[in-house]
Amino acid sequence: MKTDNAHDDDEMRPEYRREDLGTGVRGKHYQAYTESNNLVLLRPEVAQAFPTEEAVNEALLSLIRIAKASTRPTNKVRSSERSERRSEPVVGQARDRGGTQGV
C-alpha cells in the first residue's frame, strides 16, 4: 500500500531549484487551446444515442451534407415585382400572341 507523503508537504524535492524552473506565465497556452479544442456538452439522451466522439462527428457531418444538398439559392421576388415583370414585354418578344414578332 502506498503512503501519501507527497501531499503532506508542498516542498519541492531537493534536486530541483526554483531558479532553474524560470517564471511561470498564467494562461500562456489558453488561446491556442481554445482555438484547437471545441468541447461541447451533450444532453444525457443524446450521449446515449452517440456513445463515441466519432459517432457524433459522423452524424453531424451527415447532417451538414444533407442540409447543403437540400438547399438551393433562390431569387426572392416580391409578388408586386412578379406581376410587374409579367406585364412588361421582353425585348424581341411579340406583344400580342397573334404570331407577329416584335422588332
Foldseek 3Di string as FASTA:
>chain_A
DDDDPPVVDVDDDPVDDPVVVDDDDPCPCVVVVCVVDDDDDDDPVVCVVQVDPVSVVVVVVVVVVVVVVPDDDDDDDDPVVVVVVVQDDDVQCDNDPPPDTDD
